[in-house]
Amino acid sequence: MKINKLIASASIALCAAFMANAQEAAEETEYVFQPHWYVQGQVGMQETLGETSFGRLSSFNAQIGVGYRFNPVLGARIVFNGLNSKGSITLDGNRSDWKWNYIAPTANVTVDLVNLIGGFNPERLVSAGIFGGIGANIAWGNDEANTVNNNLKNSLYGDIDLATARPDVLRNIWSGTKARFVTQFGAFVDFNVTKNLKVGLELQANVLPDGYNSKKAGNSDWYFNGLVGVKYAFGTTFTKSKRKVAKEYSGEPQVIEKIVEVPVEKIVVKEVVKEVPAPLTRDVFFKISTYNITKDEMYKVAEVARYMKQNPTTKVTVTGYADKGTGTMKINLRLAKERAEAVVKALVNEGIAADRIIAKSMGETEDQPYSTPVQNRVAICIVE
């Protein structure tokens, strides 16, 4: 009998421990992107597309640029690419090559595909994306092409005076400085070295009007660049904090079997334990001096609404804050209230009844929730 009692007590204790552990909230790291400027420098090789085998029109290439990241996915940059390009022509089995100088300022839009697909995580080793833009190709120093053109005319027509009057062999020959419209697109892969420093590889294609290489082909001219280099970001690129995420429950009651000793026989009594939804906390961060919920933060509001729909007895308290290091007390009191009201409005739009929402604002009180100013620009949602 004593053994049966010990077994029953141990079973009840194990069930209780399991339920208590299930009520605990998991802890995860939350990353908050910070817009920032960056500079980059790259070197590599260029291949100018022409009527010859690949590799024969290769030349050294270099690029510098400055850019700005607006959010985890989108950015913009201005790059200055240049050094020289090459051209070639073969007549009667004789090949002639030439080169000229250029610089190409180009404005690009960049898209980080890894963050777009997998979410923002700045501590990944590798990030990759695509870019595209337009600019100008400013070329000069085409003396070698002019020499090749004159030599070919002399060899074809024999007489120098006669050759001068005849059409050019390089039918789009140019001299001086020539500016052309250029379209640029490509892909990049970056490897994180530190929070602010990356090394990377970039492949780009550049399209120009016919005549860039002094020849007439009736189609666009191309050159391709392969570059390696470094990228350095200024200031804080992201912040991170630990947050507790409540586990979601199926809503089914758990059944615990408890054995009770009686003098005659054993009776199995089933106890139905109703689950109480665990508290859920979400921090909705705002940019400085604003109360508009960004697209990157809106998913947290959606998580709160979804959890409340799954647990219809819960209510949420939304508390707005403003960091005391910015603005005046009057401004911060108003800003904190507007942040709380913005989240309340978003929850109502998500289908949560207004009588299940409690709005508060703490302004710039001494008891701020976080130690850094950027994290105190927040509305904290607690669902219970």
Protein backbone atom coordinates (compact mmCIF):
# COMPACT_ATOMS: atom_id res chain seq x y z
CA MET A 1 0.00 0.00 0.00
CA LYS A 2 2.80 2.42 0.86
CA ILE A 3 4.50 1.64 -2.46
CA ASN A 4 1.29 2.47 -4.35
CA LYS A 5 1.00 5.76 -2.52
CA LEU A 6 4.61 6.64 -3.40
CA ILE A 7 4.00 5.82 -7.06
CA ALA A 8 0.85 7.95 -7.13
CA SER A 9 2.62 10.90 -5.46
CA ALA A 10 5.56 10.67 -7.87
CA SER A 11 3.21 10.63 -10.90
CA ILE A 12 1.38 13.73 -9.67
CA ALA A 13 4.69 15.54 -9.04
CA LEU A 14 6.03 14.69 -12.52
CA CYS A 15 2.80 15.93 -14.17
CA ALA A 16 2.91 19.16 -12.21
CA ALA A 17 6.57 19.70 -13.10
CA PHE A 18 5.79 19.09 -16.78
CA MET A 19 2.94 21.61 -16.75
CA ALA A 20 5.02 24.23 -14.95
CA ASN A 21 7.83 23.82 -17.45
CA ALA A 22 5.36 24.17 -20.34
CA GLN A 23 4.18 27.50 -18.90
CA GLU A 24 7.73 28.95 -19.04
CA ALA A 25 8.43 31.43 -21.83
CA ALA A 26 11.26 30.80 -24.28
CA GLU A 27 13.95 33.46 -24.60
CA GLU A 28 15.15 34.63 -28.00
CA THR A 29 17.32 37.44 -29.39
CA GLU A 30 15.57 40.28 -31.22
CA TYR A 31 17.51 42.38 -33.74
CA VAL A 32 16.51 45.97 -34.55
CA PHE A 33 17.92 47.38 -37.82
CA GLN A 34 19.44 50.88 -37.74
CA PRO A 35 19.69 52.86 -41.03
CA HIS A 36 23.32 53.74 -41.81
CA TRP A 37 25.83 55.02 -44.37
CA TYR A 38 28.70 52.96 -45.75
CA VAL A 39 31.68 53.27 -48.10
CA GLN A 40 33.28 50.59 -50.25
CA GLY A 41 36.41 50.11 -52.34
CA GLN A 42 36.97 47.32 -54.90
CA VAL A 43 39.45 46.12 -57.50
CA GLY A 44 39.14 43.45 -60.16
CA MET A 45 39.04 42.66 -63.86
CA GLN A 46 36.96 43.79 -66.83
CA GLU A 47 36.08 41.88 -70.00
CA THR A 48 34.92 44.04 -72.92
CA LEU A 49 32.61 42.15 -75.27
CA GLY A 50 34.09 41.98 -78.79
CA GLU A 51 34.66 39.82 -81.88
CA THR A 52 37.43 37.75 -80.30
CA SER A 53 37.87 34.92 -77.79
CA PHE A 54 37.04 35.45 -74.11
CA GLY A 55 39.94 36.77 -72.06
CA ARG A 56 41.76 38.62 -74.82
CA LEU A 57 40.02 41.91 -73.99
CA SER A 58 40.58 41.72 -70.22
CA SER A 59 41.86 44.72 -68.30
CA PHE A 60 42.23 45.85 -64.70
CA ASN A 61 39.28 47.62 -63.09
CA ALA A 62 38.59 49.58 -59.89
CA GLN A 63 35.54 50.99 -58.12
CA ILE A 64 34.76 53.21 -55.12
CA GLY A 65 31.33 54.06 -53.79
CA VAL A 66 29.16 55.40 -51.00
CA GLY A 67 25.75 54.03 -50.03
CA TYR A 68 22.88 54.17 -47.55
CA ARG A 69 20.81 51.28 -46.13
CA PHE A 70 17.19 52.33 -45.50
CA ASN A 71 16.02 49.04 -44.00
CA PRO A 72 17.16 45.38 -43.84
CA VAL A 73 16.29 44.84 -47.53
CA LEU A 74 16.58 48.09 -49.52
CA GLY A 75 19.47 50.47 -50.03
CA ALA A 76 20.95 52.90 -52.55
CA ARG A 77 24.49 53.74 -53.61
CA ILE A 78 26.57 55.83 -55.99
CA VAL A 79 29.68 54.14 -57.43
CA PHE A 80 32.53 55.41 -59.59
CA ASN A 81 33.89 52.59 -61.75
CA GLY A 82 36.74 52.96 -64.18
CA LEU A 83 40.26 52.44 -65.55
CA ASN A 84 40.27 51.25 -69.17
CA SER A 85 38.46 49.10 -71.75
CA LYS A 86 39.76 47.26 -74.80
CA GLY A 87 38.74 46.69 -78.41
CA SER A 88 39.94 44.41 -81.22
CA ILE A 89 39.53 43.83 -84.97
CA THR A 90 40.88 41.15 -87.30
CA LEU A 91 41.27 41.78 -91.06
CA ASP A 92 42.95 39.38 -93.51
CA GLY A 93 44.11 37.27 -90.57
CA ASN A 94 45.83 40.18 -88.84
CA ARG A 95 44.55 41.23 -85.45
CA SER A 96 44.80 44.77 -84.02
CA ASP A 97 44.02 45.69 -80.39
CA TRP A 98 43.56 49.04 -78.65
CA LYS A 99 42.51 50.43 -75.29
CA TRP A 100 41.07 53.67 -73.91
CA ASN A 101 40.28 55.22 -70.53
CA TYR A 102 36.90 55.79 -68.88
CA ILE A 103 35.12 56.58 -65.63
CA ALA A 104 31.47 55.67 -65.02
CA PRO A 105 29.51 57.31 -62.17
CA THR A 106 26.37 55.19 -61.61
CA ALA A 107 23.42 55.28 -59.16
CA ASN A 108 22.13 51.87 -58.00
CA VAL A 109 19.28 50.44 -55.94
CA THR A 110 20.38 47.42 -53.86
CA VAL A 111 18.20 44.55 -52.60
CA ASP A 112 19.40 42.13 -49.87
CA LEU A 113 17.81 38.82 -50.88
CA VAL A 114 18.93 36.93 -47.77
CA ASN A 115 17.14 39.36 -45.43
CA LEU A 116 14.14 39.47 -47.78
CA ILE A 117 13.70 35.69 -47.68
CA GLY A 118 15.07 34.71 -44.29
CA GLY A 119 14.42 37.78 -42.11
CA PHE A 120 16.88 40.24 -40.60
CA ASN A 121 19.84 38.65 -38.81
CA PRO A 122 23.01 40.78 -38.96
CA GLU A 123 25.09 38.03 -37.32
CA ARG A 124 24.85 35.72 -40.33
CA LEU A 125 28.22 35.01 -41.90
CA VAL A 126 27.04 35.64 -45.48
CA SER A 127 24.61 38.05 -47.11
CA ALA A 128 23.80 38.29 -50.82
CA GLY A 129 21.68 40.39 -53.12
CA ILE A 130 21.19 42.13 -56.43
CA PHE A 131 21.47 45.71 -57.71
CA GLY A 132 20.62 47.79 -60.74
CA GLY A 133 20.86 51.38 -61.89
CA ILE A 134 21.81 53.92 -64.52
CA GLY A 135 24.64 56.37 -65.05
CA ALA A 136 27.12 57.83 -67.51
CA ASN A 137 30.26 56.40 -69.11
CA ILE A 138 32.77 59.16 -69.77
CA ALA A 139 35.54 57.90 -72.08
CA TRP A 140 38.74 59.51 -73.39
CA GLY A 141 42.22 58.61 -74.64
CA ASN A 142 41.14 56.73 -77.80
CA ASP A 143 44.41 57.47 -79.62
CA GLU A 144 45.31 53.78 -80.11
CA ALA A 145 42.02 53.11 -81.93
CA ASN A 146 42.59 56.10 -84.23
CA THR A 147 46.09 54.82 -85.05
CA VAL A 148 44.72 51.34 -85.81
CA ASN A 149 42.01 52.90 -88.02
CA ASN A 150 44.53 54.98 -90.00
CA ASN A 151 46.93 52.04 -90.46
CA LEU A 152 44.13 49.80 -91.72
CA LYS A 153 42.95 52.47 -94.19
CA ASN A 154 46.50 52.91 -95.51
CA SER A 155 46.96 49.17 -95.95
CA LEU A 156 43.60 48.79 -97.71
CA TYR A 157 43.84 51.75 -100.07
CA GLY A 158 47.62 52.01 -100.53
CA ASP A 159 47.80 55.74 -101.09
CA ILE A 160 47.71 57.99 -97.99
CA ASP A 161 45.78 60.77 -99.73
CA LEU A 162 43.32 58.25 -101.13
CA ALA A 163 42.94 56.57 -97.74
CA THR A 164 42.11 59.87 -96.07
CA ALA A 165 39.15 60.40 -98.38
CA ARG A 166 37.82 56.83 -98.00
CA PRO A 167 35.44 55.60 -95.24
CA ASP A 168 36.88 54.64 -91.88
CA VAL A 169 37.54 50.95 -91.20
CA LEU A 170 36.39 51.49 -87.61
CA ARG A 171 33.08 53.00 -88.62
CA ASN A 172 32.31 54.49 -85.19
CA ILE A 173 35.77 55.89 -84.54
CA TRP A 174 35.83 58.73 -82.02
CA SER A 175 38.34 61.03 -80.37
CA GLY A 176 38.47 63.53 -77.51
CA THR A 177 36.05 62.91 -74.63
CA LYS A 178 32.84 60.97 -75.22
CA ALA A 179 29.95 60.59 -72.72
CA ARG A 180 27.39 57.79 -73.13
CA PHE A 181 24.38 56.54 -71.18
CA VAL A 182 25.07 53.26 -69.32
CA THR A 183 22.75 50.74 -67.65
CA GLN A 184 24.27 48.62 -64.89
CA PHE A 185 23.01 45.52 -63.06
CA GLY A 186 24.51 42.61 -61.17
CA ALA A 187 24.80 40.61 -57.94
CA PHE A 188 26.92 40.71 -54.77
CA VAL A 189 27.97 38.41 -51.92
CA ASP A 190 29.30 39.87 -48.64
CA PHE A 191 31.05 38.09 -45.76
CA ASN A 192 30.82 39.64 -42.27
CA VAL A 193 34.19 40.29 -40.61
CA THR A 194 32.95 42.58 -37.80
CA LYS A 195 29.70 44.46 -37.11
CA ASN A 196 30.86 47.27 -39.41
CA LEU A 197 33.31 45.61 -41.81
CA LYS A 198 32.54 43.24 -44.69
CA VAL A 199 34.57 41.73 -47.53
CA GLY A 200 32.77 40.77 -50.67
CA LEU A 201 32.53 39.81 -54.32
CA GLU A 202 30.56 41.71 -56.98
CA LEU A 203 29.71 40.77 -60.57
CA GLN A 204 28.24 43.44 -62.82
CA ALA A 205 27.14 43.88 -66.42
CA ASN A 206 27.17 47.27 -68.17
CA VAL A 207 25.26 48.08 -71.38
CA LEU A 208 26.06 51.08 -73.62
CA PRO A 209 24.97 52.35 -77.07
CA ASP A 210 26.79 50.97 -80.14
CA GLY A 211 30.15 52.64 -80.82
CA TYR A 212 31.78 52.42 -77.40
CA ASN A 213 34.55 50.26 -78.91
CA SER A 214 34.77 52.47 -82.08
CA LYS A 215 33.15 49.72 -84.20
CA LYS A 216 29.68 49.60 -85.75
CA ALA A 217 27.80 46.39 -84.93
CA GLY A 218 24.17 47.49 -85.02
CA ASN A 219 23.61 46.45 -81.39
CA SER A 220 24.56 47.53 -77.88
CA ASP A 221 28.11 47.29 -76.53
CA TRP A 222 28.79 45.47 -73.24
CA TYR A 223 31.51 45.17 -70.64
CA PHE A 224 31.54 42.92 -67.55
CA ASN A 225 33.32 43.58 -64.24
CA GLY A 226 34.32 41.13 -61.53
CA LEU A 227 35.33 42.93 -58.32
CA VAL A 228 36.50 42.07 -54.81
CA GLY A 229 36.79 44.56 -51.96
CA VAL A 230 35.74 45.83 -48.56
CA LYS A 231 32.67 47.65 -47.28
CA TYR A 232 32.69 49.71 -44.07
CA ALA A 233 29.49 50.87 -42.34
CA PHE A 234 29.44 53.98 -40.12
CA GLY A 235 27.90 54.04 -36.64
CA THR A 236 25.47 51.52 -35.16
CA THR A 237 23.99 49.21 -37.79
CA PHE A 238 21.72 47.26 -35.44
CA THR A 239 20.80 46.72 -31.79
CA LYS A 240 19.75 43.51 -30.12
CA SER A 241 17.94 42.55 -26.96
CA LYS A 242 16.63 39.44 -25.25
CA ARG A 243 12.90 38.92 -25.16
CA LYS A 244 10.66 36.18 -23.81
CA VAL A 245 8.20 34.59 -26.18
CA ALA A 246 5.25 32.73 -24.72
CA LYS A 247 4.54 29.29 -26.11
CA GLU A 248 1.22 28.86 -27.85
CA TYR A 249 -1.13 26.18 -26.60
CA SER A 250 -3.62 24.06 -28.48
CA GLY A 251 -6.42 24.91 -26.03
CA GLU A 252 -7.02 21.22 -25.19
CA PRO A 253 -7.24 20.46 -21.44
CA GLN A 254 -4.56 18.20 -19.96
CA VAL A 255 -5.70 15.10 -18.08
CA ILE A 256 -3.81 13.83 -15.05
CA GLU A 257 -4.57 10.41 -13.62
CA LYS A 258 -4.33 10.21 -9.88
CA ILE A 259 -4.53 6.94 -7.94
CA VAL A 260 -6.31 7.18 -4.61
CA GLU A 261 -5.99 4.37 -2.07
CA VAL A 262 -9.24 2.99 -0.54
CA PRO A 263 -9.56 0.04 1.82
CA VAL A 264 -11.27 -2.23 -0.69
CA GLU A 265 -10.14 -1.39 -4.26
CA LYS A 266 -8.27 1.15 -6.31
CA ILE A 267 -10.30 3.92 -7.92
CA VAL A 268 -8.90 5.98 -10.77
CA VAL A 269 -9.90 9.63 -10.52
CA LYS A 270 -9.33 11.92 -13.50
CA GLU A 271 -8.58 15.56 -12.78
CA VAL A 272 -9.16 18.07 -15.60
CA VAL A 273 -6.63 20.90 -15.41
CA LYS A 274 -7.59 23.96 -17.40
CA GLU A 275 -4.74 25.85 -19.00
CA VAL A 276 -4.33 29.51 -18.29
CA PRO A 277 -2.80 31.34 -21.26
CA ALA A 278 0.74 32.45 -20.52
CA PRO A 279 1.48 36.18 -20.71
CA LEU A 280 2.74 37.42 -24.08
CA THR A 281 5.01 40.47 -24.50
CA ARG A 282 5.88 42.30 -27.71
CA ASP A 283 7.91 45.51 -28.05
CA VAL A 284 6.90 47.73 -30.99
CA PHE A 285 9.82 50.10 -31.70
CA PHE A 286 9.52 53.52 -33.37
CA LYS A 287 11.91 55.85 -35.16
CA ILE A 288 12.96 59.00 -33.36
CA SER A 289 10.20 61.64 -32.97
CA THR A 290 7.59 59.48 -34.80
CA TYR A 291 4.59 57.37 -33.86
CA ASN A 292 4.03 55.63 -37.19
CA ILE A 293 4.39 51.84 -37.06
CA THR A 294 6.93 50.70 -39.67
CA LYS A 295 6.42 47.66 -41.85
CA ASP A 296 9.26 45.89 -40.01
CA GLU A 297 7.42 46.30 -36.67
CA MET A 298 3.87 45.65 -37.90
CA TYR A 299 4.33 41.89 -37.74
CA LYS A 300 4.59 42.15 -33.92
CA VAL A 301 1.14 43.76 -33.79
CA ALA A 302 -0.15 40.91 -35.95
CA GLU A 303 1.38 38.37 -33.52
CA VAL A 304 -0.40 39.99 -30.57
CA ALA A 305 -3.73 39.99 -32.44
CA ARG A 306 -3.35 36.36 -33.48
CA TYR A 307 -2.53 35.26 -29.92
CA MET A 308 -5.54 37.17 -28.51
CA LYS A 309 -7.84 35.54 -31.07
CA GLN A 310 -6.57 32.13 -30.03
CA ASN A 311 -7.13 33.06 -26.36
CA PRO A 312 -10.39 35.05 -26.30
CA THR A 313 -10.34 35.64 -22.53
CA THR A 314 -7.13 37.67 -22.64
CA LYS A 315 -6.65 41.43 -22.58
CA VAL A 316 -3.70 43.53 -23.67
CA THR A 317 -2.09 46.54 -21.98
CA VAL A 318 -0.28 48.87 -24.39
CA THR A 319 2.19 51.27 -22.72
CA GLY A 320 3.89 53.99 -24.76
CA TYR A 321 7.33 55.42 -23.95
CA ALA A 322 9.69 58.11 -25.27
CA ASP A 323 13.41 58.34 -24.54
CA LYS A 324 14.17 61.10 -22.08
CA GLY A 325 17.39 62.03 -23.90
CA THR A 326 15.46 63.56 -26.81
CA GLY A 327 12.92 66.42 -26.83
CA THR A 328 11.13 68.09 -23.93
CA MET A 329 8.95 66.50 -21.27
CA LYS A 330 5.80 67.92 -22.90
CA ILE A 331 6.74 66.56 -26.31
CA ASN A 332 7.69 63.15 -24.93
CA LEU A 333 4.40 62.82 -23.00
CA ARG A 334 2.47 63.49 -26.19
CA LEU A 335 4.73 61.21 -28.25
CA ALA A 336 4.37 58.29 -25.82
CA LYS A 337 0.58 58.65 -25.84
CA GLU A 338 0.48 58.76 -29.66
CA ARG A 339 2.65 55.64 -29.89
CA ALA A 340 0.31 53.72 -27.59
CA GLU A 341 -2.74 54.97 -29.52
CA ALA A 342 -1.14 53.93 -32.85
CA VAL A 343 -0.72 50.35 -31.60
CA VAL A 344 -4.27 50.31 -30.20
CA LYS A 345 -5.64 51.45 -33.56
CA ALA A 346 -3.60 48.78 -35.36
CA LEU A 347 -4.93 46.05 -33.03
CA VAL A 348 -8.52 47.17 -33.62
CA ASN A 349 -7.85 47.04 -37.36
CA GLU A 350 -6.62 43.47 -36.84
CA GLY A 351 -10.02 42.53 -35.37
CA ILE A 352 -9.43 42.94 -31.61
CA ALA A 353 -12.35 44.50 -29.70
CA ALA A 354 -11.56 47.87 -28.12
CA ASP A 355 -12.81 46.72 -24.67
CA ARG A 356 -9.98 44.15 -24.61
CA ILE A 357 -7.30 46.86 -24.96
CA ILE A 358 -5.92 49.11 -22.21
CA ALA A 359 -3.75 52.04 -23.33
CA LYS A 360 -1.18 53.78 -21.11
CA SER A 361 1.66 56.22 -21.68
CA MET A 362 4.71 56.79 -19.50
CA GLY A 363 6.40 59.61 -21.41
CA GLU A 364 9.99 60.03 -20.31
CA THR A 365 9.65 58.77 -16.74
CA GLU A 366 12.76 57.85 -14.79
CA ASP A 367 11.63 54.22 -14.84
CA GLN A 368 12.39 53.62 -18.51
CA PRO A 369 12.18 50.00 -19.72
CA TYR A 370 15.60 49.87 -21.42
CA SER A 371 19.09 51.27 -20.91
CA THR A 372 19.58 52.63 -24.43
CA PRO A 373 17.62 55.60 -25.87
CA VAL A 374 16.77 53.89 -29.15
CA GLN A 375 15.01 51.03 -27.34
CA ASN A 376 12.94 53.43 -25.22
CA ARG A 377 11.14 54.72 -28.32
CA VAL A 378 8.69 51.90 -27.86
CA ALA A 379 5.15 50.77 -27.12
CA ILE A 380 5.17 47.61 -24.97
CA CYS A 381 2.25 45.19 -25.39
CA ILE A 382 1.57 42.74 -22.52
CA VAL A 383 -1.21 40.19 -23.06
CA GLU A 384 -2.64 38.46 -19.97
